[in-house]
Amino acid sequence: MIGALVYVLRAENSVRLPLVNGRLMHAAFFKILNDFSKSLGDFIHNECNLKPFTVSFLEPAEKIPNIEDNWSVRRGDLFFWRVTGLNAEILQAALSVPVSEKIQAGSLSLRVVKKICDGNIRDDTGIVTIKDFIDAAKKFPPAKEIRFDFISPVSFRIDDFDAPYPRPELIFPSLADKWTQAAMPAAVDKKVIRELAAQIRLTHWRGESKVFHLSKNRGTLAFYGNFVYDLEALYHDVRKVFLLLAKFGEFAGVGRLSGQGFGQVHMSFA
């Protein structure tokens, strides 16, 4: 199974919170995993190279003052927090959190108000079997173009350098890697995907690259925005593979640090 749910959280105190708060939310989710199963939390922390979950940054429900890349959070402010899982155990852990449970994000105390896991309420939530997910993707028409709306920054690494480039040769091999790591069926060859991705053209885009600070002394160069890619150079059956990987990206994230809020994406096609 794969899926996503959104927690509605209420601030219990007034603090300054970094806009880029993925490291705090990563720690908060590991607390959820460990509370659900210490052995599960330890295994994922110690054994998994690419984590089988993503967490988003906290998203304010209403506008909050922003001072020097920090939210000025007030007691009572509401936030949305999206979590995805690439297997049943992760999803069970995420769903096990009761309403009214306390979640700590650094110095910010949050209380769970509601859990949303219904695509009819929020289309970025819901749980589906892997078979149903793949069967639905097989019904996609052989689209001519695909659009990625990167909701949070995307970061790649080439050798020792950050690569803030929305190149198909980076995006799709990253998704192929995550597909393999998640032990999804129907093997996807990363090398072949990279070679095919070189035929895809970026036709329209609106976004930017900048340094995003993960902590006071650590930052990464990343990009975000809306990017449209032309798939017409690919055979129809190959396009469906790329659409499947793109749809998978809504659960797995794109690029590095997807367990810390980076690489959150919504895809569409035409």
C-alpha atoms as a PDB file:
ATOM      1  CA  MET A   1       0.000   0.000   0.000  1.00  0.00           C
ATOM      2  CA  ILE A   2       0.982   3.597  -0.523  1.00  0.00           C
ATOM      3  CA  GLY A   3      -0.815   6.680   0.667  1.00  0.00           C
ATOM      4  CA  ALA A   4      -0.857  10.135   2.165  1.00  0.00           C
ATOM      5  CA  LEU A   5      -2.661  11.822   5.008  1.00  0.00           C
ATOM      6  CA  VAL A   6      -2.805  15.373   6.287  1.00  0.00           C
ATOM      7  CA  TYR A   7      -2.855  16.319   9.955  1.00  0.00           C
ATOM      8  CA  VAL A   8      -4.582  19.530  10.975  1.00  0.00           C
ATOM      9  CA  LEU A   9      -2.524  20.863  13.886  1.00  0.00           C
ATOM     10  CA  ARG A  10      -3.145  23.695  16.353  1.00  0.00           C
ATOM     11  CA  ALA A  11      -0.294  25.631  17.950  1.00  0.00           C
ATOM     12  CA  GLU A  12      -0.260  25.402  21.728  1.00  0.00           C
ATOM     13  CA  ASN A  13       2.265  28.194  22.262  1.00  0.00           C
ATOM     14  CA  SER A  14       3.723  31.289  20.579  1.00  0.00           C
ATOM     15  CA  VAL A  15       7.187  30.873  19.054  1.00  0.00           C
ATOM     16  CA  ARG A  16       9.298  31.705  16.021  1.00  0.00           C
ATOM     17  CA  LEU A  17       9.425  28.765  13.626  1.00  0.00           C
ATOM     18  CA  PRO A  18      11.716  28.454  10.583  1.00  0.00           C
ATOM     19  CA  LEU A  19       9.889  28.477   7.255  1.00  0.00           C
ATOM     20  CA  VAL A  20      12.115  25.580   6.200  1.00  0.00           C
ATOM     21  CA  ASN A  21      11.145  23.354   9.124  1.00  0.00           C
ATOM     22  CA  GLY A  22      11.510  19.917   7.526  1.00  0.00           C
ATOM     23  CA  ARG A  23      14.204  18.734   9.936  1.00  0.00           C
ATOM     24  CA  LEU A  24      11.881  19.433  12.858  1.00  0.00           C
ATOM     25  CA  MET A  25       9.008  17.606  11.165  1.00  0.00           C
ATOM     26  CA  HIS A  26      11.303  14.710  10.259  1.00  0.00           C
ATOM     27  CA  ALA A  27      12.126  14.323  13.956  1.00  0.00           C
ATOM     28  CA  ALA A  28       8.430  14.631  14.853  1.00  0.00           C
ATOM     29  CA  PHE A  29       7.536  11.808  12.485  1.00  0.00           C
ATOM     30  CA  PHE A  30      10.268   9.559  13.840  1.00  0.00           C
ATOM     31  CA  LYS A  31       8.720  10.099  17.274  1.00  0.00           C
ATOM     32  CA  ILE A  32       5.419   8.860  15.814  1.00  0.00           C
ATOM     33  CA  LEU A  33       7.158   5.807  14.315  1.00  0.00           C
ATOM     34  CA  ASN A  34       8.951   4.979  17.561  1.00  0.00           C
ATOM     35  CA  ASP A  35       5.776   5.364  19.615  1.00  0.00           C
ATOM     36  CA  PHE A  36       4.022   2.980  17.216  1.00  0.00           C
ATOM     37  CA  SER A  37       6.888   0.460  17.085  1.00  0.00           C
ATOM     38  CA  LYS A  38      10.395   0.988  18.427  1.00  0.00           C
ATOM     39  CA  SER A  39      11.723  -1.775  16.188  1.00  0.00           C
ATOM     40  CA  LEU A  40      10.136  -0.149  13.111  1.00  0.00           C
ATOM     41  CA  GLY A  41      11.588   3.255  13.961  1.00  0.00           C
ATOM     42  CA  ASP A  42      15.044   1.805  14.599  1.00  0.00           C
ATOM     43  CA  PHE A  43      15.006  -0.229  11.380  1.00  0.00           C
ATOM     44  CA  ILE A  44      14.044   2.743   9.219  1.00  0.00           C
ATOM     45  CA  HIS A  45      16.534   5.019  10.933  1.00  0.00           C
ATOM     46  CA  ASN A  46      19.464   2.608  10.745  1.00  0.00           C
ATOM     47  CA  GLU A  47      18.844   0.395   7.717  1.00  0.00           C
ATOM     48  CA  CYS A  48      16.962   2.380   5.094  1.00  0.00           C
ATOM     49  CA  ASN A  49      19.076   4.475   2.747  1.00  0.00           C
ATOM     50  CA  LEU A  50      16.098   6.182   1.125  1.00  0.00           C
ATOM     51  CA  LYS A  51      13.333   6.607   3.703  1.00  0.00           C
ATOM     52  CA  PRO A  52       9.946   4.997   2.878  1.00  0.00           C
ATOM     53  CA  PHE A  53       8.054   8.155   3.849  1.00  0.00           C
ATOM     54  CA  THR A  54       7.937  11.879   3.224  1.00  0.00           C
ATOM     55  CA  VAL A  55       6.915  14.764   5.431  1.00  0.00           C
ATOM     56  CA  SER A  56       6.004  18.256   4.325  1.00  0.00           C
ATOM     57  CA  PHE A  57       6.939  21.562   5.882  1.00  0.00           C
ATOM     58  CA  LEU A  58       4.208  22.938   8.130  1.00  0.00           C
ATOM     59  CA  GLU A  59       1.704  24.858   5.988  1.00  0.00           C
ATOM     60  CA  PRO A  60      -0.216  27.638   7.781  1.00  0.00           C
ATOM     61  CA  ALA A  61      -3.973  27.455   7.295  1.00  0.00           C
ATOM     62  CA  GLU A  62      -4.084  31.257   7.265  1.00  0.00           C
ATOM     63  CA  LYS A  63      -1.468  33.922   6.680  1.00  0.00           C
ATOM     64  CA  ILE A  64       1.084  34.200   9.495  1.00  0.00           C
ATOM     65  CA  PRO A  65       3.624  37.041   9.856  1.00  0.00           C
ATOM     66  CA  ASN A  66       6.998  36.128   8.391  1.00  0.00           C
ATOM     67  CA  ILE A  67      10.106  37.796   9.828  1.00  0.00           C
ATOM     68  CA  GLU A  68      13.592  36.912   8.554  1.00  0.00           C
ATOM     69  CA  ASP A  69      12.551  33.479   7.219  1.00  0.00           C
ATOM     70  CA  ASN A  70      10.669  32.610  10.411  1.00  0.00           C
ATOM     71  CA  TRP A  71       6.958  32.288  11.050  1.00  0.00           C
ATOM     72  CA  SER A  72       5.779  34.295  14.053  1.00  0.00           C
ATOM     73  CA  VAL A  73       3.488  31.557  15.322  1.00  0.00           C
ATOM     74  CA  ARG A  74       0.735  32.497  17.757  1.00  0.00           C
ATOM     75  CA  ARG A  75      -1.105  30.179  20.098  1.00  0.00           C
ATOM     76  CA  GLY A  76      -4.165  28.873  18.270  1.00  0.00           C
ATOM     77  CA  ASP A  77      -2.710  29.119  14.736  1.00  0.00           C
ATOM     78  CA  LEU A  78      -3.646  26.148  12.553  1.00  0.00           C
ATOM     79  CA  PHE A  79      -1.294  24.231  10.268  1.00  0.00           C
ATOM     80  CA  PHE A  80      -1.566  21.451   7.711  1.00  0.00           C
ATOM     81  CA  TRP A  81       1.100  18.741   7.747  1.00  0.00           C
ATOM     82  CA  ARG A  82       1.176  16.111   4.992  1.00  0.00           C
ATOM     83  CA  VAL A  83       2.832  12.726   5.535  1.00  0.00           C
ATOM     84  CA  THR A  84       3.170   9.938   2.985  1.00  0.00           C
ATOM     85  CA  GLY A  85       4.036   6.283   3.427  1.00  0.00           C
ATOM     86  CA  LEU A  86       5.320   3.784   0.872  1.00  0.00           C
ATOM     87  CA  ASN A  87       4.303   0.692   2.813  1.00  0.00           C
ATOM     88  CA  ALA A  88       1.495  -0.447   5.082  1.00  0.00           C
ATOM     89  CA  GLU A  89       3.456  -0.243   8.353  1.00  0.00           C
ATOM     90  CA  ILE A  90       4.366   3.404   7.840  1.00  0.00           C
ATOM     91  CA  LEU A  91       0.757   4.238   7.032  1.00  0.00           C
ATOM     92  CA  GLN A  92      -0.517   2.328  10.057  1.00  0.00           C
ATOM     93  CA  ALA A  93       1.879   4.290  12.257  1.00  0.00           C
ATOM     94  CA  ALA A  94       0.744   7.596  10.767  1.00  0.00           C
ATOM     95  CA  LEU A  95      -2.925   6.705  11.170  1.00  0.00           C
ATOM     96  CA  SER A  96      -2.402   5.523  14.760  1.00  0.00           C
ATOM     97  CA  VAL A  97      -1.907   9.090  16.016  1.00  0.00           C
ATOM     98  CA  PRO A  98      -5.103   9.990  17.909  1.00  0.00           C
ATOM     99  CA  VAL A  99      -6.904  13.301  17.688  1.00  0.00           C
ATOM    100  CA  SER A 100      -5.747  15.572  20.554  1.00  0.00           C
ATOM    101  CA  GLU A 101      -2.272  13.955  20.541  1.00  0.00           C
ATOM    102  CA  LYS A 102       0.634  16.350  21.089  1.00  0.00           C
ATOM    103  CA  ILE A 103       3.290  16.705  18.375  1.00  0.00           C
ATOM    104  CA  GLN A 104       6.485  18.589  19.123  1.00  0.00           C
ATOM    105  CA  ALA A 105       8.266  20.567  16.384  1.00  0.00           C
ATOM    106  CA  GLY A 106      11.323  22.014  18.080  1.00  0.00           C
ATOM    107  CA  SER A 107      10.023  24.556  20.580  1.00  0.00           C
ATOM    108  CA  LEU A 108       6.546  24.566  18.987  1.00  0.00           C
ATOM    109  CA  SER A 109       3.923  22.370  20.652  1.00  0.00           C
ATOM    110  CA  LEU A 110       1.123  21.266  18.350  1.00  0.00           C
ATOM    111  CA  ARG A 111      -2.118  19.432  19.032  1.00  0.00           C
ATOM    112  CA  VAL A 112      -3.786  17.166  16.457  1.00  0.00           C
ATOM    113  CA  VAL A 113      -7.214  18.598  15.591  1.00  0.00           C
ATOM    114  CA  LYS A 114      -8.093  16.344  12.669  1.00  0.00           C
ATOM    115  CA  LYS A 115      -6.676  13.716  10.329  1.00  0.00           C
ATOM    116  CA  ILE A 116      -7.624  13.802   6.633  1.00  0.00           C
ATOM    117  CA  CYS A 117      -7.120  10.673   4.541  1.00  0.00           C
ATOM    118  CA  ASP A 118      -9.895  10.963   1.983  1.00  0.00           C
ATOM    119  CA  GLY A 119      -9.294  12.089  -1.585  1.00  0.00           C
ATOM    120  CA  ASN A 120     -12.829  13.476  -1.741  1.00  0.00           C
ATOM    121  CA  ILE A 121     -11.903  15.967   0.988  1.00  0.00           C
ATOM    122  CA  ARG A 122      -8.309  16.685  -0.097  1.00  0.00           C
ATOM    123  CA  ASP A 123      -7.107  15.281  -3.390  1.00  0.00           C
ATOM    124  CA  ASP A 124      -3.529  14.963  -2.085  1.00  0.00           C
ATOM    125  CA  THR A 125      -4.610  12.359   0.497  1.00  0.00           C
ATOM    126  CA  GLY A 126      -5.836   8.764   0.462  1.00  0.00           C
ATOM    127  CA  ILE A 127      -4.526   5.210   0.604  1.00  0.00           C
ATOM    128  CA  VAL A 128      -4.405   2.789  -2.311  1.00  0.00           C
ATOM    129  CA  THR A 129      -3.081  -0.704  -2.893  1.00  0.00           C
ATOM    130  CA  ILE A 130      -0.034  -0.854  -5.130  1.00  0.00           C
ATOM    131  CA  LYS A 131      -1.974  -2.970  -7.644  1.00  0.00           C
ATOM    132  CA  ASP A 132      -4.765  -0.397  -7.860  1.00  0.00           C
ATOM    133  CA  PHE A 133      -2.203   2.412  -8.124  1.00  0.00           C
ATOM    134  CA  ILE A 134      -0.466   0.747 -11.088  1.00  0.00           C
ATOM    135  CA  ASP A 135      -3.756  -0.276 -12.726  1.00  0.00           C
ATOM    136  CA  ALA A 136      -4.977   3.330 -12.553  1.00  0.00           C
ATOM    137  CA  ALA A 137      -1.729   4.569 -14.104  1.00  0.00           C
ATOM    138  CA  LYS A 138      -2.075   2.062 -16.963  1.00  0.00           C
ATOM    139  CA  LYS A 139      -5.323   3.801 -17.908  1.00  0.00           C
ATOM    140  CA  PHE A 140      -3.590   7.151 -18.385  1.00  0.00           C
ATOM    141  CA  PRO A 141      -3.715   8.279 -22.009  1.00  0.00           C
ATOM    142  CA  PRO A 142      -0.311   8.581 -23.747  1.00  0.00           C
ATOM    143  CA  ALA A 143       0.051  12.235 -22.749  1.00  0.00           C
ATOM    144  CA  LYS A 144       2.059  14.683 -24.849  1.00  0.00           C
ATOM    145  CA  GLU A 145       3.263  16.709 -21.898  1.00  0.00           C
ATOM    146  CA  ILE A 146       3.576  16.496 -18.160  1.00  0.00           C
ATOM    147  CA  ARG A 147       3.563  19.311 -15.604  1.00  0.00           C
ATOM    148  CA  PHE A 148       5.296  19.241 -12.237  1.00  0.00           C
ATOM    149  CA  ASP A 149       4.205  21.758  -9.624  1.00  0.00           C
ATOM    150  CA  PHE A 150       7.002  21.631  -7.066  1.00  0.00           C
ATOM    151  CA  ILE A 151       5.335  22.712  -3.831  1.00  0.00           C
ATOM    152  CA  SER A 152       8.601  22.648  -1.898  1.00  0.00           C
ATOM    153  CA  PRO A 153      12.261  22.995  -2.969  1.00  0.00           C
ATOM    154  CA  VAL A 154      13.917  20.228  -4.977  1.00  0.00           C
ATOM    155  CA  SER A 155      17.577  19.376  -4.438  1.00  0.00           C
ATOM    156  CA  PHE A 156      19.852  16.994  -6.328  1.00  0.00           C
ATOM    157  CA  ARG A 157      23.480  16.151  -5.719  1.00  0.00           C
ATOM    158  CA  ILE A 158      26.085  15.659  -8.454  1.00  0.00           C
ATOM    159  CA  ASP A 159      29.426  14.582  -7.016  1.00  0.00           C
ATOM    160  CA  ASP A 160      30.077  17.148  -4.252  1.00  0.00           C
ATOM    161  CA  PHE A 161      27.806  19.866  -5.613  1.00  0.00           C
ATOM    162  CA  ASP A 162      24.156  20.806  -5.236  1.00  0.00           C
ATOM    163  CA  ALA A 163      22.394  20.729  -8.598  1.00  0.00           C
ATOM    164  CA  PRO A 164      19.404  23.112  -8.680  1.00  0.00           C
ATOM    165  CA  TYR A 165      18.456  22.126 -12.228  1.00  0.00           C
ATOM    166  CA  PRO A 166      14.964  20.949 -13.284  1.00  0.00           C
ATOM    167  CA  ARG A 167      16.460  18.584 -15.861  1.00  0.00           C
ATOM    168  CA  PRO A 168      14.497  15.455 -16.800  1.00  0.00           C
ATOM    169  CA  GLU A 169      17.769  13.461 -16.578  1.00  0.00           C
ATOM    170  CA  LEU A 170      17.809  14.251 -12.842  1.00  0.00           C
ATOM    171  CA  ILE A 171      14.104  14.130 -12.009  1.00  0.00           C
ATOM    172  CA  PHE A 172      13.120  10.785 -13.533  1.00  0.00           C
ATOM    173  CA  PRO A 173      16.183   8.723 -12.482  1.00  0.00           C
ATOM    174  CA  SER A 174      15.561  10.016  -8.949  1.00  0.00           C
ATOM    175  CA  LEU A 175      12.029   8.646  -9.136  1.00  0.00           C
ATOM    176  CA  ALA A 176      13.297   5.354 -10.589  1.00  0.00           C
ATOM    177  CA  ASP A 177      15.674   5.084  -7.609  1.00  0.00           C
ATOM    178  CA  LYS A 178      12.834   5.632  -5.160  1.00  0.00           C
ATOM    179  CA  TRP A 179      10.626   3.145  -7.011  1.00  0.00           C
ATOM    180  CA  THR A 180      13.326   0.460  -6.679  1.00  0.00           C
ATOM    181  CA  GLN A 181      14.062   1.311  -3.039  1.00  0.00           C
ATOM    182  CA  ALA A 182      10.366   0.977  -2.203  1.00  0.00           C
ATOM    183  CA  ALA A 183      10.400  -2.535  -3.738  1.00  0.00           C
ATOM    184  CA  MET A 184       7.618  -1.619  -6.128  1.00  0.00           C
ATOM    185  CA  PRO A 185       6.729  -4.260  -8.747  1.00  0.00           C
ATOM    186  CA  ALA A 186       7.763  -4.066 -12.407  1.00  0.00           C
ATOM    187  CA  ALA A 187      11.470  -3.275 -12.200  1.00  0.00           C
ATOM    188  CA  VAL A 188      12.534   0.126 -13.529  1.00  0.00           C
ATOM    189  CA  ASP A 189      16.096   0.491 -14.803  1.00  0.00           C
ATOM    190  CA  LYS A 190      17.537   3.815 -13.662  1.00  0.00           C
ATOM    191  CA  LYS A 191      20.146   3.913 -16.435  1.00  0.00           C
ATOM    192  CA  VAL A 192      17.548   3.318 -19.156  1.00  0.00           C
ATOM    193  CA  ILE A 193      15.254   5.936 -17.621  1.00  0.00           C
ATOM    194  CA  ARG A 194      18.092   8.481 -17.654  1.00  0.00           C
ATOM    195  CA  GLU A 195      18.851   7.773 -21.336  1.00  0.00           C
ATOM    196  CA  LEU A 196      15.190   8.114 -22.296  1.00  0.00           C
ATOM    197  CA  ALA A 197      14.759  11.235 -20.167  1.00  0.00           C
ATOM    198  CA  ALA A 198      17.420  12.957 -22.268  1.00  0.00           C
ATOM    199  CA  GLN A 199      14.828  13.040 -25.085  1.00  0.00           C
ATOM    200  CA  ILE A 200      12.343  15.050 -22.982  1.00  0.00           C
ATOM    201  CA  ARG A 201      12.257  18.830 -23.470  1.00  0.00           C
ATOM    202  CA  LEU A 202      11.480  21.471 -20.869  1.00  0.00           C
ATOM    203  CA  THR A 203       9.058  23.763 -22.733  1.00  0.00           C
ATOM    204  CA  HIS A 204       7.577  26.128 -20.117  1.00  0.00           C
ATOM    205  CA  TRP A 205       8.606  26.997 -16.608  1.00  0.00           C
ATOM    206  CA  ARG A 206       8.124  29.485 -13.838  1.00  0.00           C
ATOM    207  CA  GLY A 207      10.307  29.231 -10.770  1.00  0.00           C
ATOM    208  CA  GLU A 208      13.692  29.982  -9.307  1.00  0.00           C
ATOM    209  CA  SER A 209      16.766  28.542  -7.627  1.00  0.00           C
ATOM    210  CA  LYS A 210      18.091  29.712  -4.271  1.00  0.00           C
ATOM    211  CA  VAL A 211      19.795  28.520  -1.121  1.00  0.00           C
ATOM    212  CA  PHE A 212      17.448  27.085   1.481  1.00  0.00           C
ATOM    213  CA  HIS A 213      18.825  26.982   5.010  1.00  0.00           C
ATOM    214  CA  LEU A 214      18.221  23.714   6.828  1.00  0.00           C
ATOM    215  CA  SER A 215      19.826  25.076   9.974  1.00  0.00           C
ATOM    216  CA  LYS A 216      21.927  28.068  10.995  1.00  0.00           C
ATOM    217  CA  ASN A 217      25.106  26.644   9.456  1.00  0.00           C
ATOM    218  CA  ARG A 218      23.751  24.351   6.760  1.00  0.00           C
ATOM    219  CA  GLY A 219      21.989  25.120   3.516  1.00  0.00           C
ATOM    220  CA  THR A 220      21.340  23.523   0.144  1.00  0.00           C
ATOM    221  CA  LEU A 221      20.859  24.998  -3.304  1.00  0.00           C
ATOM    222  CA  ALA A 222      17.482  23.964  -4.690  1.00  0.00           C
ATOM    223  CA  PHE A 223      14.730  25.011  -7.111  1.00  0.00           C
ATOM    224  CA  TYR A 224      10.956  25.219  -6.997  1.00  0.00           C
ATOM    225  CA  GLY A 225       8.104  26.303  -9.255  1.00  0.00           C
ATOM    226  CA  ASN A 226       6.056  24.961 -12.175  1.00  0.00           C
ATOM    227  CA  PHE A 227       7.700  23.077 -15.043  1.00  0.00           C
ATOM    228  CA  VAL A 228       6.181  21.580 -18.205  1.00  0.00           C
ATOM    229  CA  TYR A 229       7.961  18.820 -20.125  1.00  0.00           C
ATOM    230  CA  ASP A 230       7.280  17.664 -23.698  1.00  0.00           C
ATOM    231  CA  LEU A 231       7.108  13.852 -23.977  1.00  0.00           C
ATOM    232  CA  GLU A 232       6.385  13.574 -27.708  1.00  0.00           C
ATOM    233  CA  ALA A 233       9.843  12.195 -28.531  1.00  0.00           C
ATOM    234  CA  LEU A 234       9.002   9.071 -26.502  1.00  0.00           C
ATOM    235  CA  TYR A 235       6.988   6.078 -27.695  1.00  0.00           C
ATOM    236  CA  HIS A 236       3.456   5.895 -26.292  1.00  0.00           C
ATOM    237  CA  ASP A 237       4.181   2.938 -23.986  1.00  0.00           C
ATOM    238  CA  VAL A 238       7.320   4.640 -22.674  1.00  0.00           C
ATOM    239  CA  ARG A 239       5.338   7.791 -21.889  1.00  0.00           C
ATOM    240  CA  LYS A 240       3.094   5.740 -19.604  1.00  0.00           C
ATOM    241  CA  VAL A 241       6.143   4.581 -17.631  1.00  0.00           C
ATOM    242  CA  PHE A 242       7.183   8.199 -17.155  1.00  0.00           C
ATOM    243  CA  LEU A 243       3.659   9.179 -16.106  1.00  0.00           C
ATOM    244  CA  LEU A 244       3.654   6.302 -13.608  1.00  0.00           C
ATOM    245  CA  LEU A 245       6.950   7.493 -12.122  1.00  0.00           C
ATOM    246  CA  ALA A 246       5.673  11.080 -11.970  1.00  0.00           C
ATOM    247  CA  LYS A 247       2.511   9.993 -10.169  1.00  0.00           C
ATOM    248  CA  PHE A 248       4.635   7.954  -7.774  1.00  0.00           C
ATOM    249  CA  GLY A 249       6.553  11.155  -7.060  1.00  0.00           C
ATOM    250  CA  GLU A 250       3.460  12.564  -5.341  1.00  0.00           C
ATOM    251  CA  PHE A 251       4.015   9.922  -2.646  1.00  0.00           C
ATOM    252  CA  ALA A 252       7.807   9.447  -2.765  1.00  0.00           C
ATOM    253  CA  GLY A 253       8.933  13.030  -3.369  1.00  0.00           C
ATOM    254  CA  VAL A 254      11.572  14.089  -5.885  1.00  0.00           C
ATOM    255  CA  GLY A 255      15.295  14.399  -5.231  1.00  0.00           C
ATOM    256  CA  ARG A 256      17.124  14.558  -1.909  1.00  0.00           C
ATOM    257  CA  LEU A 257      15.769  15.259   1.559  1.00  0.00           C
ATOM    258  CA  SER A 258      12.196  14.186   0.788  1.00  0.00           C
ATOM    259  CA  GLY A 259      11.993  12.926   4.385  1.00  0.00           C
ATOM    260  CA  GLN A 260      12.663  16.514   5.473  1.00  0.00           C
ATOM    261  CA  GLY A 261      10.045  18.362   3.446  1.00  0.00           C
ATOM    262  CA  PHE A 262      11.882  18.759   0.139  1.00  0.00           C
ATOM    263  CA  GLY A 263      10.631  17.545  -3.238  1.00  0.00           C
ATOM    264  CA  GLN A 264       6.894  17.719  -2.555  1.00  0.00           C
ATOM    265  CA  VAL A 265       5.183  17.701  -5.946  1.00  0.00           C
ATOM    266  CA  HIS A 266       1.817  17.629  -7.694  1.00  0.00           C
ATOM    267  CA  MET A 267       1.725  16.364 -11.277  1.00  0.00           C
ATOM    268  CA  SER A 268      -0.756  16.765 -14.111  1.00  0.00           C
ATOM    269  CA  PHE A 269      -0.654  15.903 -17.796  1.00  0.00           C
ATOM    270  CA  ALA A 270      -2.273  16.705 -21.109  1.00  0.00           C
END
